Amino acid sequence: MGERSISIHVIERLTTYLRYLKSLPDDGTASVSATKIAAALDLNQVLVRKDLAEISSGGKPRVGYQICSLIEDIETSLGYNDSSSAILVGVGNLGRALLSHKSFRETGVRIVLAFDCDEAEIGTDCCGVRIMATEKMADLCGRLKVHIGIIAVPDTAAQEVCDMLVGCGIKAIWNFAPTHLKVPDDVIVRNENLAASLLILSQQLRERLS
């Protein structure tokens, strides 16, 4: 399939399809239909069929998609084969959890270095990633050609860390601090507000039980 822009919502669904396909038992079944995927994930089959048609030409009437080929097509469309390097700032409990997350490498993103201001952490390794002093960030980012930064520090330090990342040439930031970051127009920020997600879940539960 030709390269095209994919919306955030489609990306989220494609990653869900991918997890499902990889979870299928190795029982000799070679193909899967959009209808089966939709039923397994409680999604609209028309939407699933449209998503898959956008990224794969391998679907056949009454047969569906070859599972291995569909996995490959989804991974290609999501950029899994385009390796990107990232750095993480803040090696507290959250930072360590992110460093231990094995699925990041499957997406083509590899955390190559972590940074922290705690002298007890500097020079040590966490999950195979070396922890460095923040003062060395600019030099190392330039040499390693890193363009993705992950912020896992308290909200009081997040903007300062963000400014450092931007100054190092970082063009995409994954922010776990519960605060709004100010960045130049050419820098992408993806915010993950864990507290808000839990609040939404709690609200949905209350509405269902009421």
N, C-alpha and C. Protein backbone atom coordinates (compact mmCIF):
# COMPACT_ATOMS: atom_id res chain seq x y z
N MET A 1 0.85 -1.20 0.00
CA MET A 1 0.00 0.00 0.00
C MET A 1 0.88 1.24 0.00
N GLY A 2 0.43 2.32 -0.65
CA GLY A 2 1.21 3.54 -0.67
C GLY A 2 1.19 4.23 0.67
N GLU A 3 2.21 5.06 0.90
CA GLU A 3 2.31 5.77 2.17
C GLU A 3 1.24 6.85 2.23
N ARG A 4 0.54 6.95 3.38
CA ARG A 4 -0.51 7.95 3.53
C ARG A 4 -0.61 8.33 4.99
N SER A 5 -1.28 9.46 5.22
CA SER A 5 -1.49 9.91 6.58
C SER A 5 -2.56 9.07 7.25
N ILE A 6 -2.32 8.68 8.51
CA ILE A 6 -3.27 7.88 9.26
C ILE A 6 -3.69 8.67 10.49
N SER A 7 -4.99 8.74 10.74
CA SER A 7 -5.49 9.51 11.87
C SER A 7 -5.15 8.82 13.19
N ILE A 8 -5.17 9.59 14.27
CA ILE A 8 -4.87 9.05 15.59
C ILE A 8 -5.83 7.93 15.96
N HIS A 9 -7.12 8.10 15.66
CA HIS A 9 -8.11 7.08 16.01
C HIS A 9 -7.86 5.78 15.25
N VAL A 10 -7.48 5.89 13.99
CA VAL A 10 -7.18 4.69 13.21
C VAL A 10 -5.93 4.01 13.76
N ILE A 11 -4.92 4.79 14.12
CA ILE A 11 -3.71 4.22 14.72
C ILE A 11 -4.05 3.44 15.97
N GLU A 12 -4.92 4.00 16.82
CA GLU A 12 -5.31 3.31 18.05
C GLU A 12 -6.01 2.00 17.75
N ARG A 13 -6.88 2.00 16.73
CA ARG A 13 -7.58 0.76 16.37
C ARG A 13 -6.62 -0.25 15.75
N LEU A 14 -5.70 0.22 14.91
CA LEU A 14 -4.74 -0.70 14.29
C LEU A 14 -3.88 -1.40 15.33
N THR A 15 -3.47 -0.67 16.36
CA THR A 15 -2.68 -1.31 17.42
C THR A 15 -3.51 -2.35 18.16
N THR A 16 -4.82 -2.09 18.29
CA THR A 16 -5.71 -3.07 18.92
C THR A 16 -5.84 -4.31 18.05
N TYR A 17 -6.01 -4.12 16.74
CA TYR A 17 -6.06 -5.26 15.83
C TYR A 17 -4.78 -6.08 15.91
N LEU A 18 -3.66 -5.36 15.96
CA LEU A 18 -2.36 -6.04 15.98
C LEU A 18 -2.21 -6.91 17.22
N ARG A 19 -2.59 -6.37 18.38
CA ARG A 19 -2.52 -7.17 19.61
C ARG A 19 -3.39 -8.41 19.50
N TYR A 20 -4.58 -8.25 18.93
CA TYR A 20 -5.48 -9.39 18.77
C TYR A 20 -4.88 -10.44 17.85
N LEU A 21 -4.37 -10.02 16.71
CA LEU A 21 -3.79 -10.96 15.75
C LEU A 21 -2.63 -11.73 16.34
N LYS A 22 -1.80 -11.04 17.11
CA LYS A 22 -0.65 -11.70 17.72
C LYS A 22 -1.05 -12.62 18.88
N SER A 23 -2.27 -12.44 19.39
CA SER A 23 -2.74 -13.29 20.49
C SER A 23 -3.42 -14.56 20.00
N LEU A 24 -3.67 -14.66 18.69
CA LEU A 24 -4.36 -15.83 18.16
C LEU A 24 -3.51 -17.08 18.35
N PRO A 25 -4.12 -18.20 18.74
CA PRO A 25 -3.36 -19.43 18.95
C PRO A 25 -2.79 -19.98 17.65
N ASP A 26 -1.66 -20.59 17.74
CA ASP A 26 -1.02 -21.19 16.57
C ASP A 26 -1.62 -22.58 16.34
N ASP A 27 -2.86 -22.59 15.83
CA ASP A 27 -3.58 -23.85 15.66
C ASP A 27 -3.72 -24.25 14.19
N GLY A 28 -2.93 -23.63 13.34
CA GLY A 28 -2.96 -23.97 11.92
C GLY A 28 -3.87 -23.07 11.10
N THR A 29 -4.65 -22.22 11.77
CA THR A 29 -5.52 -21.29 11.05
C THR A 29 -4.67 -20.21 10.38
N ALA A 30 -4.80 -20.09 9.06
CA ALA A 30 -3.92 -19.18 8.32
C ALA A 30 -4.57 -17.84 8.03
N SER A 31 -5.90 -17.77 8.10
CA SER A 31 -6.58 -16.53 7.72
C SER A 31 -7.57 -16.09 8.78
N VAL A 32 -7.95 -14.82 8.68
CA VAL A 32 -8.92 -14.25 9.60
C VAL A 32 -9.72 -13.18 8.85
N SER A 33 -10.99 -13.08 9.16
CA SER A 33 -11.84 -12.10 8.48
C SER A 33 -12.02 -10.85 9.31
N ALA A 34 -12.39 -9.77 8.65
CA ALA A 34 -12.68 -8.53 9.36
C ALA A 34 -13.87 -8.72 10.30
N THR A 35 -14.81 -9.56 9.90
CA THR A 35 -15.97 -9.85 10.74
C THR A 35 -15.55 -10.52 12.04
N LYS A 36 -14.62 -11.46 11.96
CA LYS A 36 -14.15 -12.15 13.17
C LYS A 36 -13.39 -11.18 14.08
N ILE A 37 -12.56 -10.34 13.50
CA ILE A 37 -11.82 -9.36 14.30
C ILE A 37 -12.80 -8.42 15.00
N ALA A 38 -13.79 -7.94 14.26
CA ALA A 38 -14.78 -7.02 14.83
C ALA A 38 -15.54 -7.67 15.98
N ALA A 39 -15.94 -8.92 15.80
CA ALA A 39 -16.69 -9.62 16.85
C ALA A 39 -15.84 -9.83 18.09
N ALA A 40 -14.57 -10.16 17.89
CA ALA A 40 -13.67 -10.42 19.03
C ALA A 40 -13.40 -9.15 19.83
N LEU A 41 -13.41 -8.01 19.15
CA LEU A 41 -13.06 -6.74 19.80
C LEU A 41 -14.27 -5.84 20.07
N ASP A 42 -15.47 -6.36 19.80
CA ASP A 42 -16.71 -5.59 20.01
C ASP A 42 -16.69 -4.28 19.23
N LEU A 43 -16.31 -4.37 17.96
CA LEU A 43 -16.26 -3.20 17.10
C LEU A 43 -17.19 -3.38 15.91
N ASN A 44 -17.51 -2.28 15.25
CA ASN A 44 -18.34 -2.32 14.05
C ASN A 44 -17.55 -2.96 12.91
N GLN A 45 -18.11 -4.00 12.30
CA GLN A 45 -17.35 -4.71 11.27
C GLN A 45 -17.11 -3.87 10.03
N VAL A 46 -18.00 -2.93 9.73
CA VAL A 46 -17.79 -2.03 8.59
C VAL A 46 -16.57 -1.15 8.83
N LEU A 47 -16.43 -0.67 10.06
CA LEU A 47 -15.29 0.16 10.43
C LEU A 47 -13.99 -0.63 10.35
N VAL A 48 -14.01 -1.86 10.86
CA VAL A 48 -12.81 -2.71 10.82
C VAL A 48 -12.43 -3.00 9.38
N ARG A 49 -13.42 -3.34 8.56
CA ARG A 49 -13.15 -3.64 7.16
C ARG A 49 -12.55 -2.43 6.44
N LYS A 50 -13.07 -1.25 6.74
CA LYS A 50 -12.55 -0.03 6.13
C LYS A 50 -11.11 0.24 6.57
N ASP A 51 -10.83 0.07 7.86
CA ASP A 51 -9.47 0.28 8.38
C ASP A 51 -8.47 -0.64 7.69
N LEU A 52 -8.84 -1.91 7.58
CA LEU A 52 -7.91 -2.89 7.00
C LEU A 52 -7.71 -2.65 5.51
N ALA A 53 -8.77 -2.23 4.82
CA ALA A 53 -8.65 -1.95 3.39
C ALA A 53 -7.72 -0.78 3.13
N GLU A 54 -7.61 0.13 4.09
CA GLU A 54 -6.74 1.30 3.95
C GLU A 54 -5.26 0.92 3.99
N ILE A 55 -4.94 -0.15 4.71
CA ILE A 55 -3.51 -0.46 4.91
C ILE A 55 -3.09 -1.80 4.30
N SER A 56 -4.05 -2.56 3.76
CA SER A 56 -3.69 -3.87 3.21
C SER A 56 -4.55 -4.18 1.99
N SER A 57 -3.93 -4.77 0.98
CA SER A 57 -4.65 -5.18 -0.23
C SER A 57 -4.82 -6.69 -0.27
N GLY A 58 -4.55 -7.34 0.86
CA GLY A 58 -4.54 -8.80 0.88
C GLY A 58 -5.85 -9.47 1.20
N GLY A 59 -6.92 -8.70 1.43
CA GLY A 59 -8.20 -9.31 1.79
C GLY A 59 -8.88 -9.97 0.60
N LYS A 60 -9.46 -11.17 0.84
CA LYS A 60 -10.17 -11.90 -0.21
C LYS A 60 -11.58 -12.23 0.26
N PRO A 61 -12.58 -12.09 -0.62
CA PRO A 61 -13.96 -12.39 -0.24
C PRO A 61 -14.10 -13.81 0.30
N ARG A 62 -14.83 -13.97 1.39
CA ARG A 62 -15.13 -15.25 2.04
C ARG A 62 -13.91 -15.96 2.61
N VAL A 63 -12.76 -15.34 2.48
CA VAL A 63 -11.53 -15.92 3.03
C VAL A 63 -10.94 -15.01 4.10
N GLY A 64 -10.91 -13.73 3.79
CA GLY A 64 -10.33 -12.77 4.73
C GLY A 64 -8.88 -12.47 4.41
N TYR A 65 -8.11 -12.28 5.45
CA TYR A 65 -6.70 -11.91 5.31
C TYR A 65 -5.80 -13.02 5.83
N GLN A 66 -4.69 -13.23 5.15
CA GLN A 66 -3.66 -14.10 5.71
C GLN A 66 -3.12 -13.43 6.97
N ILE A 67 -3.14 -14.14 8.08
CA ILE A 67 -2.80 -13.53 9.37
C ILE A 67 -1.39 -12.94 9.36
N CYS A 68 -0.43 -13.71 8.89
CA CYS A 68 0.97 -13.24 8.90
C CYS A 68 1.13 -12.00 8.02
N SER A 69 0.49 -12.01 6.86
CA SER A 69 0.60 -10.87 5.95
C SER A 69 -0.08 -9.64 6.52
N LEU A 70 -1.22 -9.84 7.20
CA LEU A 70 -1.94 -8.71 7.77
C LEU A 70 -1.14 -8.09 8.92
N ILE A 71 -0.52 -8.93 9.73
CA ILE A 71 0.35 -8.42 10.80
C ILE A 71 1.46 -7.57 10.21
N GLU A 72 2.06 -8.06 9.14
CA GLU A 72 3.15 -7.33 8.49
C GLU A 72 2.66 -6.00 7.92
N ASP A 73 1.48 -6.01 7.30
CA ASP A 73 0.93 -4.78 6.72
C ASP A 73 0.63 -3.74 7.80
N ILE A 74 0.06 -4.19 8.93
CA ILE A 74 -0.25 -3.26 10.01
C ILE A 74 1.03 -2.68 10.60
N GLU A 75 2.02 -3.53 10.84
CA GLU A 75 3.28 -3.05 11.40
C GLU A 75 3.96 -2.06 10.46
N THR A 76 3.90 -2.33 9.16
CA THR A 76 4.50 -1.41 8.19
C THR A 76 3.78 -0.06 8.19
N SER A 77 2.45 -0.09 8.23
CA SER A 77 1.69 1.16 8.21
C SER A 77 1.90 1.98 9.47
N LEU A 78 2.20 1.30 10.58
CA LEU A 78 2.43 2.00 11.85
C LEU A 78 3.89 2.41 12.03
N GLY A 79 4.74 2.05 11.07
CA GLY A 79 6.14 2.44 11.15
C GLY A 79 6.98 1.57 12.06
N TYR A 80 6.54 0.34 12.29
CA TYR A 80 7.31 -0.55 13.17
C TYR A 80 8.69 -0.86 12.62
N ASN A 81 8.84 -0.75 11.32
CA ASN A 81 10.13 -1.08 10.71
C ASN A 81 11.05 0.12 10.58
N ASP A 82 10.57 1.29 11.01
CA ASP A 82 11.38 2.51 10.98
C ASP A 82 11.91 2.78 12.38
N SER A 83 13.12 2.37 12.62
CA SER A 83 13.69 2.47 13.97
C SER A 83 13.89 3.93 14.38
N SER A 84 13.42 4.27 15.59
CA SER A 84 13.60 5.61 16.15
C SER A 84 14.21 5.49 17.54
N SER A 85 15.07 6.44 17.88
CA SER A 85 15.69 6.45 19.20
C SER A 85 15.02 7.49 20.07
N ALA A 86 14.88 7.16 21.36
CA ALA A 86 14.26 8.08 22.31
C ALA A 86 15.09 8.14 23.57
N ILE A 87 14.93 9.24 24.32
CA ILE A 87 15.53 9.34 25.64
C ILE A 87 14.43 9.56 26.66
N LEU A 88 14.69 9.17 27.88
CA LEU A 88 13.73 9.34 28.97
C LEU A 88 14.35 10.20 30.06
N VAL A 89 13.59 11.14 30.59
CA VAL A 89 14.07 11.99 31.68
C VAL A 89 13.21 11.74 32.91
N GLY A 90 13.86 11.31 33.99
CA GLY A 90 13.15 11.01 35.23
C GLY A 90 13.08 9.52 35.48
N VAL A 91 13.98 9.02 36.33
CA VAL A 91 14.04 7.57 36.57
C VAL A 91 13.49 7.24 37.95
N GLY A 92 12.28 7.73 38.22
CA GLY A 92 11.57 7.34 39.43
C GLY A 92 10.78 6.07 39.15
N ASN A 93 9.72 5.84 39.92
CA ASN A 93 8.93 4.63 39.73
C ASN A 93 8.32 4.55 38.34
N LEU A 94 7.76 5.67 37.87
CA LEU A 94 7.15 5.69 36.55
C LEU A 94 8.20 5.51 35.46
N GLY A 95 9.31 6.22 35.58
CA GLY A 95 10.37 6.10 34.59
C GLY A 95 10.90 4.69 34.49
N ARG A 96 11.07 4.04 35.62
CA ARG A 96 11.56 2.65 35.61
C ARG A 96 10.54 1.71 34.98
N ALA A 97 9.26 1.97 35.24
CA ALA A 97 8.22 1.15 34.62
C ALA A 97 8.25 1.29 33.10
N LEU A 98 8.47 2.50 32.62
CA LEU A 98 8.55 2.72 31.18
C LEU A 98 9.78 2.05 30.58
N LEU A 99 10.89 2.12 31.27
CA LEU A 99 12.11 1.49 30.78
C LEU A 99 11.98 -0.02 30.70
N SER A 100 11.16 -0.59 31.57
CA SER A 100 11.00 -2.05 31.59
C SER A 100 9.95 -2.54 30.60
N HIS A 101 9.27 -1.62 29.93
CA HIS A 101 8.20 -1.99 29.01
C HIS A 101 8.79 -2.60 27.74
N LYS A 102 8.60 -3.89 27.55
CA LYS A 102 9.25 -4.60 26.46
C LYS A 102 8.63 -4.32 25.09
N SER A 103 7.38 -3.87 25.07
CA SER A 103 6.70 -3.72 23.78
C SER A 103 7.14 -2.50 22.99
N PHE A 104 7.86 -1.56 23.62
CA PHE A 104 8.29 -0.36 22.90
C PHE A 104 9.17 -0.72 21.70
N ARG A 105 10.07 -1.67 21.88
CA ARG A 105 10.96 -2.03 20.78
C ARG A 105 10.19 -2.61 19.60
N GLU A 106 9.07 -3.28 19.89
CA GLU A 106 8.27 -3.84 18.80
C GLU A 106 7.70 -2.74 17.92
N THR A 107 7.52 -1.55 18.48
CA THR A 107 6.96 -0.43 17.72
C THR A 107 8.03 0.30 16.91
N GLY A 108 9.27 -0.10 17.06
CA GLY A 108 10.35 0.58 16.34
C GLY A 108 10.97 1.71 17.12
N VAL A 109 10.53 1.92 18.37
CA VAL A 109 11.10 2.98 19.21
C VAL A 109 11.95 2.34 20.30
N ARG A 110 13.19 2.79 20.41
CA ARG A 110 14.12 2.24 21.39
C ARG A 110 14.61 3.35 22.31
N ILE A 111 14.42 3.18 23.61
CA ILE A 111 14.94 4.15 24.58
C ILE A 111 16.42 3.86 24.76
N VAL A 112 17.25 4.78 24.28
CA VAL A 112 18.70 4.53 24.26
C VAL A 112 19.41 5.05 25.50
N LEU A 113 18.84 6.07 26.15
CA LEU A 113 19.45 6.64 27.35
C LEU A 113 18.37 7.19 28.27
N ALA A 114 18.69 7.23 29.56
CA ALA A 114 17.81 7.87 30.54
C ALA A 114 18.62 8.93 31.28
N PHE A 115 17.93 9.96 31.76
CA PHE A 115 18.61 11.05 32.46
C PHE A 115 17.91 11.32 33.79
N ASP A 116 18.71 11.66 34.79
CA ASP A 116 18.17 11.96 36.11
C ASP A 116 19.15 12.89 36.83
N CYS A 117 18.63 13.63 37.82
CA CYS A 117 19.48 14.54 38.58
C CYS A 117 19.96 13.92 39.89
N ASP A 118 19.48 12.71 40.20
CA ASP A 118 19.88 12.03 41.43
C ASP A 118 21.26 11.40 41.24
N GLU A 119 22.24 11.89 41.98
CA GLU A 119 23.61 11.39 41.82
C GLU A 119 23.72 9.91 42.12
N ALA A 120 22.83 9.38 42.95
CA ALA A 120 22.87 7.96 43.27
C ALA A 120 22.47 7.10 42.06
N GLU A 121 21.72 7.68 41.13
CA GLU A 121 21.27 6.94 39.95
C GLU A 121 22.23 7.08 38.77
N ILE A 122 22.93 8.21 38.72
CA ILE A 122 23.80 8.50 37.57
C ILE A 122 24.92 7.48 37.47
N GLY A 123 25.08 6.94 36.25
CA GLY A 123 26.12 5.95 36.00
C GLY A 123 25.66 4.53 36.19
N THR A 124 24.43 4.34 36.66
CA THR A 124 23.90 2.99 36.83
C THR A 124 23.05 2.63 35.62
N ASP A 125 22.63 1.37 35.56
CA ASP A 125 21.76 0.90 34.48
C ASP A 125 20.39 0.54 35.03
N CYS A 126 19.38 0.74 34.22
CA CYS A 126 18.02 0.31 34.56
C CYS A 126 17.45 -0.40 33.34
N CYS A 127 17.20 -1.68 33.48
CA CYS A 127 16.64 -2.48 32.39
C CYS A 127 17.50 -2.38 31.13
N GLY A 128 18.81 -2.34 31.33
CA GLY A 128 19.74 -2.29 30.21
C GLY A 128 19.96 -0.91 29.63
N VAL A 129 19.39 0.12 30.24
CA VAL A 129 19.55 1.49 29.76
C VAL A 129 20.40 2.28 30.75
N ARG A 130 21.45 2.93 30.26
CA ARG A 130 22.34 3.69 31.12
C ARG A 130 21.68 5.01 31.54
N ILE A 131 21.83 5.34 32.82
CA ILE A 131 21.30 6.59 33.36
C ILE A 131 22.42 7.62 33.42
N MET A 132 22.20 8.77 32.80
CA MET A 132 23.22 9.80 32.71
C MET A 132 22.77 11.07 33.41
N ALA A 133 23.73 11.96 33.68
CA ALA A 133 23.42 13.27 34.26
C ALA A 133 22.75 14.15 33.21
N THR A 134 21.80 14.96 33.65
CA THR A 134 21.07 15.80 32.70
C THR A 134 21.97 16.80 31.98
N GLU A 135 23.10 17.16 32.60
CA GLU A 135 24.01 18.12 31.94
C GLU A 135 24.59 17.56 30.65
N LYS A 136 24.59 16.26 30.49
CA LYS A 136 25.17 15.65 29.30
C LYS A 136 24.14 15.43 28.18
N MET A 137 22.92 15.87 28.43
CA MET A 137 21.84 15.58 27.50
C MET A 137 22.08 16.17 26.11
N ALA A 138 22.44 17.44 26.04
CA ALA A 138 22.59 18.12 24.75
C ALA A 138 23.63 17.44 23.88
N ASP A 139 24.78 17.14 24.45
CA ASP A 139 25.86 16.51 23.69
C ASP A 139 25.46 15.13 23.19
N LEU A 140 24.85 14.34 24.07
CA LEU A 140 24.50 12.96 23.71
C LEU A 140 23.36 12.91 22.70
N CYS A 141 22.38 13.78 22.84
CA CYS A 141 21.27 13.81 21.87
C CYS A 141 21.77 14.15 20.48
N GLY A 142 22.70 15.09 20.41
CA GLY A 142 23.26 15.47 19.12
C GLY A 142 24.03 14.34 18.48
N ARG A 143 24.83 13.64 19.28
CA ARG A 143 25.64 12.56 18.73
C ARG A 143 24.81 11.35 18.32
N LEU A 144 23.75 11.07 19.09
CA LEU A 144 22.92 9.90 18.82
C LEU A 144 21.76 10.18 17.87
N LYS A 145 21.61 11.47 17.48
CA LYS A 145 20.53 11.87 16.57
C LYS A 145 19.15 11.44 17.11
N VAL A 146 18.91 11.76 18.37
CA VAL A 146 17.64 11.43 19.02
C VAL A 146 16.64 12.56 18.78
N HIS A 147 15.40 12.20 18.46
CA HIS A 147 14.37 13.21 18.20
C HIS A 147 13.12 13.02 19.06
N ILE A 148 13.09 11.98 19.91
CA ILE A 148 11.94 11.73 20.77
C ILE A 148 12.38 11.79 22.23
N GLY A 149 11.64 12.55 23.03
CA GLY A 149 11.93 12.65 24.46
C GLY A 149 10.72 12.25 25.29
N ILE A 150 10.97 11.53 26.38
CA ILE A 150 9.90 11.09 27.28
C ILE A 150 10.09 11.77 28.62
N ILE A 151 9.07 12.47 29.09
CA ILE A 151 9.14 13.19 30.36
C ILE A 151 8.40 12.39 31.44
N ALA A 152 9.14 11.98 32.47
CA ALA A 152 8.56 11.22 33.58
C ALA A 152 9.00 11.83 34.90
N VAL A 153 8.92 13.15 34.97
CA VAL A 153 9.32 13.89 36.17
C VAL A 153 8.08 14.53 36.80
N PRO A 154 8.17 15.01 38.05
CA PRO A 154 7.04 15.71 38.66
C PRO A 154 6.64 16.94 37.85
N ASP A 155 5.38 17.37 38.00
CA ASP A 155 4.89 18.50 37.21
C ASP A 155 5.68 19.78 37.44
N THR A 156 6.25 19.94 38.63
CA THR A 156 7.00 21.16 38.94
C THR A 156 8.29 21.27 38.13
N ALA A 157 8.78 20.15 37.64
CA ALA A 157 10.03 20.15 36.88
C ALA A 157 9.80 19.93 35.39
N ALA A 158 8.57 19.67 34.99
CA ALA A 158 8.29 19.25 33.62
C ALA A 158 8.63 20.30 32.57
N GLN A 159 8.25 21.57 32.81
CA GLN A 159 8.52 22.60 31.81
C GLN A 159 10.01 22.83 31.64
N GLU A 160 10.75 22.81 32.74
CA GLU A 160 12.21 22.97 32.64
C GLU A 160 12.82 21.84 31.83
N VAL A 161 12.37 20.61 32.09
CA VAL A 161 12.87 19.46 31.32
C VAL A 161 12.46 19.59 29.86
N CYS A 162 11.23 20.02 29.62
CA CYS A 162 10.75 20.22 28.26
C CYS A 162 11.63 21.22 27.51
N ASP A 163 11.96 22.32 28.16
CA ASP A 163 12.82 23.33 27.53
C ASP A 163 14.19 22.76 27.20
N MET A 164 14.70 21.91 28.09
CA MET A 164 15.99 21.27 27.83
C MET A 164 15.90 20.36 26.62
N LEU A 165 14.82 19.59 26.53
CA LEU A 165 14.65 18.67 25.40
C LEU A 165 14.56 19.44 24.09
N VAL A 166 13.78 20.50 24.09
CA VAL A 166 13.64 21.32 22.88
C VAL A 166 14.99 21.92 22.49
N GLY A 167 15.74 22.36 23.48
CA GLY A 167 17.07 22.91 23.23
C GLY A 167 18.04 21.89 22.67
N CYS A 168 17.76 20.61 22.94
CA CYS A 168 18.62 19.52 22.44
C CYS A 168 18.21 19.07 21.04
N GLY A 169 17.16 19.68 20.50
CA GLY A 169 16.72 19.31 19.16
C GLY A 169 15.61 18.28 19.12
N ILE A 170 15.05 17.95 20.30
CA ILE A 170 13.95 16.99 20.34
C ILE A 170 12.73 17.57 19.64
N LYS A 171 12.10 16.77 18.78
CA LYS A 171 10.96 17.25 18.00
C LYS A 171 9.64 16.59 18.39
N ALA A 172 9.68 15.58 19.25
CA ALA A 172 8.46 14.91 19.70
C ALA A 172 8.62 14.56 21.17
N ILE A 173 7.62 14.92 21.98
CA ILE A 173 7.70 14.72 23.43
C ILE A 173 6.50 13.92 23.91
N TRP A 174 6.78 12.86 24.66
CA TRP A 174 5.74 12.06 25.31
C TRP A 174 5.74 12.47 26.78
N ASN A 175 4.70 13.18 27.18
CA ASN A 175 4.68 13.81 28.50
C ASN A 175 3.77 13.07 29.48
N PHE A 176 4.36 12.59 30.57
CA PHE A 176 3.60 11.92 31.62
C PHE A 176 3.36 12.82 32.83
N ALA A 177 3.89 14.03 32.79
CA ALA A 177 3.67 14.96 33.90
C ALA A 177 2.30 15.62 33.75
N PRO A 178 1.54 15.73 34.84
CA PRO A 178 0.19 16.30 34.75
C PRO A 178 0.20 17.82 34.66
N THR A 179 0.77 18.33 33.59
CA THR A 179 0.85 19.78 33.40
C THR A 179 0.91 20.10 31.92
N HIS A 180 0.46 21.30 31.56
CA HIS A 180 0.51 21.74 30.16
C HIS A 180 1.90 22.26 29.84
N LEU A 181 2.46 21.78 28.74
CA LEU A 181 3.80 22.19 28.33
C LEU A 181 3.72 23.21 27.20
N LYS A 182 4.57 24.22 27.27
CA LYS A 182 4.67 25.21 26.22
C LYS A 182 5.85 24.86 25.33
N VAL A 183 5.57 24.64 24.05
CA VAL A 183 6.62 24.24 23.11
C VAL A 183 6.49 25.05 21.82
N PRO A 184 7.56 25.11 21.02
CA PRO A 184 7.48 25.76 19.71
C PRO A 184 6.50 25.02 18.80
N ASP A 185 6.08 25.68 17.74
CA ASP A 185 5.09 25.10 16.83
C ASP A 185 5.59 23.83 16.14
N ASP A 186 6.90 23.69 16.00
CA ASP A 186 7.43 22.53 15.28
C ASP A 186 7.71 21.34 16.19
N VAL A 187 7.28 21.40 17.44
CA VAL A 187 7.47 20.30 18.39
C VAL A 187 6.12 19.65 18.70
N ILE A 188 6.06 18.33 18.59
CA ILE A 188 4.84 17.57 18.86
C ILE A 188 4.84 17.12 20.31
N VAL A 189 3.71 17.27 20.99
CA VAL A 189 3.58 16.81 22.38
C VAL A 189 2.39 15.86 22.48
N ARG A 190 2.64 14.70 23.07
CA ARG A 190 1.58 13.74 23.38
C ARG A 190 1.49 13.63 24.90
N ASN A 191 0.35 14.05 25.47
CA ASN A 191 0.18 14.04 26.92
C ASN A 191 -0.51 12.76 27.38
N GLU A 192 0.01 12.18 28.46
CA GLU A 192 -0.62 11.01 29.09
C GLU A 192 -0.97 11.40 30.52
N ASN A 193 -2.24 11.68 30.76
CA ASN A 193 -2.69 12.07 32.10
C ASN A 193 -3.31 10.85 32.77
N LEU A 194 -2.52 10.14 33.56
CA LEU A 194 -2.98 8.90 34.18
C LEU A 194 -4.11 9.16 35.16
N ALA A 195 -4.02 10.26 35.91
CA ALA A 195 -5.07 10.58 36.88
C ALA A 195 -6.40 10.84 36.16
N ALA A 196 -6.34 11.55 35.04
CA ALA A 196 -7.56 11.84 34.28
C ALA A 196 -8.17 10.56 33.73
N SER A 197 -7.33 9.64 33.27
CA SER A 197 -7.84 8.36 32.76
C SER A 197 -8.56 7.58 33.84
N LEU A 198 -7.98 7.58 35.05
CA LEU A 198 -8.62 6.88 36.16
C LEU A 198 -9.93 7.56 36.55
N LEU A 199 -9.94 8.89 36.51
CA LEU A 199 -11.16 9.64 36.83
C LEU A 199 -12.27 9.34 35.83
N ILE A 200 -11.92 9.28 34.55
CA ILE A 200 -12.90 8.96 33.51
C ILE A 200 -13.46 7.56 33.73
N LEU A 201 -12.58 6.61 34.04
CA LEU A 201 -13.02 5.24 34.30
C LEU A 201 -13.97 5.19 35.48
N SER A 202 -13.64 5.92 36.54
CA SER A 202 -14.48 5.96 37.74
C SER A 202 -15.85 6.56 37.42
N GLN A 203 -15.85 7.63 36.62
CA GLN A 203 -17.11 8.28 36.24
C GLN A 203 -17.97 7.35 35.40
N GLN A 204 -17.34 6.64 34.47
CA GLN A 204 -18.09 5.71 33.63
C GLN A 204 -18.71 4.59 34.48
N LEU A 205 -17.98 4.14 35.49
CA LEU A 205 -18.50 3.11 36.38
C LEU A 205 -19.70 3.62 37.16
N ARG A 206 -19.59 4.86 37.68
CA ARG A 206 -20.71 5.44 38.43
C ARG A 206 -21.96 5.56 37.56
N GLU A 207 -21.76 5.98 36.30
CA GLU A 207 -22.90 6.12 35.40
C GLU A 207 -23.55 4.78 35.10
N ARG A 208 -22.73 3.74 34.98
CA ARG A 208 -23.27 2.41 34.69
C ARG A 208 -24.02 1.84 35.88
N LEU A 209 -23.54 2.14 37.09
CA LEU A 209 -24.16 1.59 38.29
C LEU A 209 -25.36 2.39 38.76
N SER A 210 -25.49 3.62 38.26
CA SER A 210 -26.59 4.48 38.74
C SER A 210 -27.92 4.12 38.06
